[in-house]
Each structure stands twice: as structure tokens, then as C-alpha cells.
């Protein structure tokens, strides 16, 4: 398999209310690319959140007693701790400098994905503003995919990726938090290896692997490349509207041995 990752150069700064799908269509044209069937477009979560106006002004947050107590433990602004609690189902770990939660959409991650890097709102101190994840990243991916597919006539996939930490490993990794158009988790259980032995547990997080590859192209600091076109991926199942988004990648709590 020849797999290629093309960063779309010259992507504009995204503001609330911008038509992100149209920006992507324009960027593909400006980069002299033409979409093909089975292409996958990987989009950084941050530009999706910006377009959806997921900014939060910490001056509007009144921390609860729980947030105040927890803020002492994790050594964070109690208003930010309250924002994290508001975006979470439960606290998984809390130690000085680290607050790990199960975010509303099921992702176990630091700070519920709330971030303060690479954002700017005129007239507001950068320390007083933060950016939340999209309310539903699968829906966001589906809407973007539908417009791009309608404009191009191509059967494509869309991933929204974010930088997440992992147990046992140092450093963040780009992982999928929203998926549309293809199966995020490829199941090979019941198939055979090269020696004919039946596969017992083999499942491949295809969307995460593509998200991680695209993350290298996007960069993490000043690169300004929030959208990557992936070509050469051959999904295990045909691209389809009726697939399950990112859900299959989230390990059910009863099988999570590390909580």
C-alpha cells in the first residue's frame, strides 16, 4: 500500500461561524489537488471548535465547592477545573498538575480536551479564554463530509483529530475524536494470519492510525497546517453514511483495566 499525507498549505485562520467545509474545498483547489474516491480528510479539532464558536470565557465561570477543593489538589485555576467538570462524565485521576477525566463523549483525556494554546480573542486576556471540544465531533465530521462530498462527487472519509496522552508512554499522539464515512475500527477476528492460524483478538484502530500520521504533518506549534489529505487508504468496508463514528474505538469501561 502506498499511503500519502498532503498538508493543505495556506489554510486561513478560522473564526466563529466560518464555513470550514468550504475552506477545505478551496484549500484543496488552491493546493492543486483533486479529490479521489477513498480519500480521507483529517481536520485538527481546534479549527472545528473555532468554527463552532466553542470558546469559553473563564470570567463567566463560578467554581463550585468541589471545583475549588479539586483545584487545590491539581494546582489549577478553580474556574478551569469547573469548566473541566462541566465537560466531563467523571474524574479518573487527580494529582498535582494533572486532571484526567472521561469527557462527555467518552474520551479519557487530560482536562476534557480544554485548551488555551493557539487561540486569541480580541479584547480578552489570553489567560481568561479557552477552547472546548466540539459538542459532537462525529456530527461535525459528518456535516463537513456531506458538503465536501456534495461538491466533489467523491466518496470520502473525514476524521477530526486531537492530541491525547497515553498510559505508559510520554508524549501526545494525534488520535481520532470524530469519524465519518468509514469504519474507525477494523475487525479481523475470525480471519487468518499468514500461516493460516485464526485471528483471535486482532482489531485495528484505522482512524487513529490515520489521525496519528496526519498529526505529524500538521505539527503542534506554529505550522498552521490544520487539514491533511490522506490518499491510498483502502478501508476494510465500503465508505458509507451509516457507520458508527468514533464510538467503536472507545474501550467500554467494564474492559478498561486501568481506571
Protein backbone atom coordinates (compact mmCIF):
# COMPACT_ATOMS: atom_id res chain seq x y z
CA UNK A 1 0.00 0.00 0.00
CA UNK A 2 1.28 3.49 -0.92
CA UNK A 3 -0.10 5.89 1.66
CA UNK A 4 0.39 9.66 1.24
CA UNK A 5 -0.29 12.58 3.58
CA UNK A 6 -0.64 16.02 2.00
CA UNK A 7 -0.78 19.07 4.24
CA UNK A 8 -3.01 21.76 2.75
CA UNK A 9 -0.80 24.85 2.78
CA UNK A 10 -2.11 28.39 3.10
CA UNK A 11 -5.14 27.48 5.19
CA UNK A 12 -6.82 30.65 6.52
CA UNK A 13 -7.28 31.47 10.19
CA UNK A 14 -10.69 30.20 11.27
CA UNK A 15 -13.21 32.35 13.11
CA UNK A 16 -16.60 31.52 14.67
CA UNK A 17 -19.25 30.94 12.04
CA UNK A 18 -16.82 30.27 9.21
CA UNK A 19 -17.78 27.60 6.68
CA UNK A 20 -14.99 25.13 7.40
CA UNK A 21 -16.07 22.70 4.69
CA UNK A 22 -15.85 25.47 2.07
CA UNK A 23 -12.42 26.46 3.40
CA UNK A 24 -11.29 22.86 2.85
CA UNK A 25 -12.77 22.72 -0.65
CA UNK A 26 -10.96 25.97 -1.52
CA UNK A 27 -7.68 24.76 0.02
CA UNK A 28 -7.77 21.53 -1.98
CA UNK A 29 -8.19 23.58 -5.15
CA UNK A 30 -5.52 26.13 -4.17
CA UNK A 31 -3.07 23.30 -3.44
CA UNK A 32 -3.77 21.92 -6.93
CA UNK A 33 -5.24 18.68 -5.62
CA UNK A 34 -8.32 16.86 -6.82
CA UNK A 35 -10.24 14.58 -4.52
CA UNK A 36 -10.44 10.90 -5.33
CA UNK A 37 -12.74 8.20 -4.01
CA UNK A 38 -11.49 6.81 -0.67
CA UNK A 39 -9.50 9.92 0.18
CA UNK A 40 -9.65 10.80 3.87
CA UNK A 41 -9.55 14.37 5.14
CA UNK A 42 -8.12 14.80 8.63
CA UNK A 43 -9.01 18.05 10.40
CA UNK A 44 -7.48 19.40 13.59
CA UNK A 45 -10.04 19.66 16.37
CA UNK A 46 -9.03 23.21 17.13
CA UNK A 47 -10.26 24.68 13.84
CA UNK A 48 -13.54 22.76 14.15
CA UNK A 49 -14.05 24.14 17.66
CA UNK A 50 -13.19 27.65 16.48
CA UNK A 51 -15.68 27.49 13.60
CA UNK A 52 -18.34 26.21 16.03
CA UNK A 53 -17.55 29.03 18.48
CA UNK A 54 -16.64 26.70 21.33
CA UNK A 55 -14.80 29.47 23.12
CA UNK A 56 -15.32 29.77 26.86
CA UNK A 57 -14.66 32.97 28.82
CA UNK A 58 -13.44 31.87 32.24
CA UNK A 59 -14.74 35.14 33.70
CA UNK A 60 -18.24 33.70 33.28
CA UNK A 61 -17.48 30.62 35.39
CA UNK A 62 -18.39 30.42 39.09
CA UNK A 63 -16.50 27.48 40.59
CA UNK A 64 -18.35 25.10 42.87
CA UNK A 65 -17.02 23.90 46.23
CA UNK A 66 -15.98 20.66 44.55
CA UNK A 67 -14.06 22.55 41.86
CA UNK A 68 -12.33 24.71 44.48
CA UNK A 69 -11.22 21.70 46.50
CA UNK A 70 -10.11 19.82 43.40
CA UNK A 71 -8.21 22.87 42.14
CA UNK A 72 -6.07 22.81 45.29
CA UNK A 73 -5.16 19.20 44.60
CA UNK A 74 -4.32 19.64 40.94
CA UNK A 75 -2.97 23.18 41.32
CA UNK A 76 -5.10 24.69 38.59
CA UNK A 77 -7.38 27.72 38.30
CA UNK A 78 -10.66 26.68 40.02
CA UNK A 79 -12.64 28.22 37.17
CA UNK A 80 -10.85 26.00 34.67
CA UNK A 81 -11.41 23.00 36.93
CA UNK A 82 -15.12 23.83 36.95
CA UNK A 83 -15.10 24.06 33.15
CA UNK A 84 -13.44 20.64 33.01
CA UNK A 85 -16.06 19.17 35.34
CA UNK A 86 -18.82 20.70 33.21
CA UNK A 87 -17.42 18.90 30.16
CA UNK A 88 -16.91 15.55 31.90
CA UNK A 89 -18.76 12.44 33.00
CA UNK A 90 -16.33 11.60 35.79
CA UNK A 91 -12.89 12.31 37.22
CA UNK A 92 -10.50 9.43 36.58
CA UNK A 93 -7.27 10.75 38.16
CA UNK A 94 -6.36 13.94 40.01
CA UNK A 95 -2.78 14.65 41.09
CA UNK A 96 -0.71 17.85 41.18
CA UNK A 97 -0.59 19.26 37.67
CA UNK A 98 -2.80 16.55 36.12
CA UNK A 99 -6.57 16.16 35.91
CA UNK A 100 -7.67 13.14 33.86
CA UNK A 101 -11.39 12.81 33.15
CA UNK A 102 -13.85 10.96 31.00
CA UNK A 103 -15.02 13.68 28.66
CA UNK A 104 -18.74 13.84 27.80
CA UNK A 105 -18.20 11.96 24.54
CA UNK A 106 -16.38 9.12 26.32
CA UNK A 107 -12.75 10.05 25.70
CA UNK A 108 -10.44 9.60 28.69
CA UNK A 109 -8.06 12.53 28.49
CA UNK A 110 -6.47 15.40 30.36
CA UNK A 111 -8.62 18.45 31.08
CA UNK A 112 -11.57 17.19 28.98
CA UNK A 113 -9.69 18.42 25.92
CA UNK A 114 -9.98 22.05 27.05
CA UNK A 115 -7.05 24.03 25.67
CA UNK A 116 -5.62 27.54 25.76
CA UNK A 117 -2.89 27.28 23.11
CA UNK A 118 -3.05 28.94 19.69
CA UNK A 119 -6.24 30.85 20.42
CA UNK A 120 -6.85 34.58 20.54
CA UNK A 121 -9.98 36.62 21.13
CA UNK A 122 -9.52 40.38 20.71
CA UNK A 123 -10.09 42.31 23.92
CA UNK A 124 -9.80 39.30 26.24
CA UNK A 125 -6.71 38.33 28.21
CA UNK A 126 -5.44 35.01 26.77
CA UNK A 127 -5.41 33.58 30.30
CA UNK A 128 -9.17 34.18 30.54
CA UNK A 129 -10.21 32.31 27.39
CA UNK A 130 -10.13 28.64 26.46
CA UNK A 131 -11.50 26.37 23.76
CA UNK A 132 -13.76 23.35 24.30
CA UNK A 133 -14.05 20.27 22.12
CA UNK A 134 -16.93 20.19 19.62
CA UNK A 135 -20.19 19.16 21.27
CA UNK A 136 -20.39 16.11 19.00
CA UNK A 137 -17.32 15.52 16.86
CA UNK A 138 -18.94 12.71 14.85
CA UNK A 139 -21.76 15.06 13.83
CA UNK A 140 -19.25 17.77 12.98
CA UNK A 141 -17.29 15.33 10.81
CA UNK A 142 -20.48 14.13 9.10
CA UNK A 143 -21.60 17.66 8.22
CA UNK A 144 -18.22 18.56 6.77
CA UNK A 145 -18.08 15.30 4.82
CA UNK A 146 -21.55 15.80 3.37
CA UNK A 147 -20.73 19.24 1.97
CA UNK A 148 -17.37 18.18 0.55
CA UNK A 149 -18.86 15.02 -0.94
CA UNK A 150 -21.69 17.04 -2.47
CA UNK A 151 -19.25 19.49 -4.04
CA UNK A 152 -16.81 16.86 -5.30
CA UNK A 153 -18.98 13.84 -6.03
CA UNK A 154 -16.36 11.70 -4.30
CA UNK A 155 -16.85 9.09 -1.59
CA UNK A 156 -14.51 10.29 1.12
CA UNK A 157 -13.91 9.90 4.83
CA UNK A 158 -13.44 12.63 7.42
CA UNK A 159 -11.56 12.47 10.71
CA UNK A 160 -11.38 15.11 13.40
CA UNK A 161 -8.20 14.54 15.39
CA UNK A 162 -6.85 15.83 18.67
CA UNK A 163 -3.63 15.40 20.63
CA UNK A 164 -4.07 12.94 23.50
CA UNK A 165 -1.68 11.43 26.01
CA UNK A 166 -1.48 7.67 26.63
CA UNK A 167 -0.81 5.38 29.58
CA UNK A 168 2.79 4.12 29.78
CA UNK A 169 4.03 6.49 27.09
CA UNK A 170 5.43 10.02 27.22
CA UNK A 171 4.26 12.50 24.59
CA UNK A 172 0.97 13.21 22.92
CA UNK A 173 -0.33 11.44 19.85
CA UNK A 174 -2.88 12.54 17.27
CA UNK A 175 -5.99 10.41 17.72
CA UNK A 176 -9.46 10.44 16.19
CA UNK A 177 -12.25 12.09 18.19
CA UNK A 178 -14.72 12.26 15.29
CA UNK A 179 -15.14 9.98 12.28
CA UNK A 180 -17.50 9.93 9.31
CA UNK A 181 -17.66 7.82 6.19
CA UNK A 182 -15.64 4.75 7.11
CA UNK A 183 -15.19 2.17 9.85
CA UNK A 184 -12.96 3.59 12.58
CA UNK A 185 -12.17 0.14 13.99
CA UNK A 186 -11.38 -2.65 11.53
CA UNK A 187 -12.23 -6.09 12.93
CA UNK A 188 -10.14 -9.04 11.74
CA UNK A 189 -11.25 -11.53 14.38
CA UNK A 190 -12.01 -14.84 12.67
CA UNK A 191 -9.65 -14.14 9.78
CA UNK A 192 -6.31 -15.85 9.26
CA UNK A 193 -2.68 -14.89 9.66
CA UNK A 194 -0.05 -15.70 7.01
CA UNK A 195 0.24 -19.25 8.38
CA UNK A 196 -3.48 -19.91 8.37
CA UNK A 197 -3.98 -19.53 12.12
CA UNK A 198 -7.30 -17.97 13.12
CA UNK A 199 -7.02 -14.44 14.48
CA UNK A 200 -8.50 -14.23 17.99
CA UNK A 201 -8.18 -10.59 19.07
CA UNK A 202 -6.93 -8.55 16.11
CA UNK A 203 -8.72 -5.24 15.70
CA UNK A 204 -7.08 -2.25 14.04
CA UNK A 205 -7.80 1.35 15.04
CA UNK A 206 -7.60 2.58 11.46
CA UNK A 207 -8.96 6.04 12.19
CA UNK A 208 -6.42 6.52 14.98
CA UNK A 209 -3.57 5.38 12.77
CA UNK A 210 -4.56 7.85 10.05
CA UNK A 211 -5.06 10.61 12.63
CA UNK A 212 -1.60 9.98 14.08
CA UNK A 213 0.05 10.09 10.66
CA UNK A 214 -1.74 13.31 9.79
CA UNK A 215 -0.73 14.83 13.12
CA UNK A 216 2.94 14.63 12.14
CA UNK A 217 2.18 16.69 9.03
CA UNK A 218 0.03 19.17 10.97
CA UNK A 219 2.66 19.81 13.64
CA UNK A 220 1.96 21.03 17.17
CA UNK A 221 3.16 24.63 17.34
CA UNK A 222 3.36 27.25 14.56
CA UNK A 223 2.94 25.19 11.38
CA UNK A 224 -0.61 26.39 10.58
CA UNK A 225 -1.50 23.19 8.71
CA UNK A 226 -4.77 22.08 10.31
CA UNK A 227 -6.03 19.96 7.41
CA UNK A 228 -4.33 16.95 5.82
CA UNK A 229 -5.46 14.96 2.79
CA UNK A 230 -4.72 11.24 3.10
CA UNK A 231 -4.56 9.16 -0.08
CA UNK A 232 -4.02 5.45 -0.59
CA UNK A 233 -6.04 4.14 2.36
CA UNK A 234 -8.18 1.13 1.47
CA UNK A 235 -10.93 0.75 4.09
CA UNK A 236 -11.94 -2.76 5.09
CA UNK A 237 -15.58 -1.89 4.39
CA UNK A 238 -17.06 0.40 1.72
CA UNK A 239 -17.43 4.03 2.70
CA UNK A 240 -20.94 4.56 3.99
CA UNK A 241 -23.17 7.06 5.82
CA UNK A 242 -24.48 4.53 8.33
CA UNK A 243 -21.27 3.73 10.21
CA UNK A 244 -20.72 4.26 13.92
CA UNK A 245 -18.30 7.16 14.09
CA UNK A 246 -15.57 7.11 16.71
CA UNK A 247 -17.58 5.03 19.19
CA UNK A 248 -16.04 1.62 18.37
CA UNK A 249 -12.59 2.98 19.33
CA UNK A 250 -13.64 3.80 22.89
CA UNK A 251 -12.96 0.88 25.21
CA UNK A 252 -16.05 0.03 27.30
CA UNK A 253 -15.50 0.82 30.96
CA UNK A 254 -16.01 -2.80 32.01
CA UNK A 255 -12.98 -3.74 29.90
CA UNK A 256 -10.83 -0.80 30.99
CA UNK A 257 -8.30 -2.28 33.42
CA UNK A 258 -6.56 1.00 34.19
CA UNK A 259 -9.24 3.07 35.90
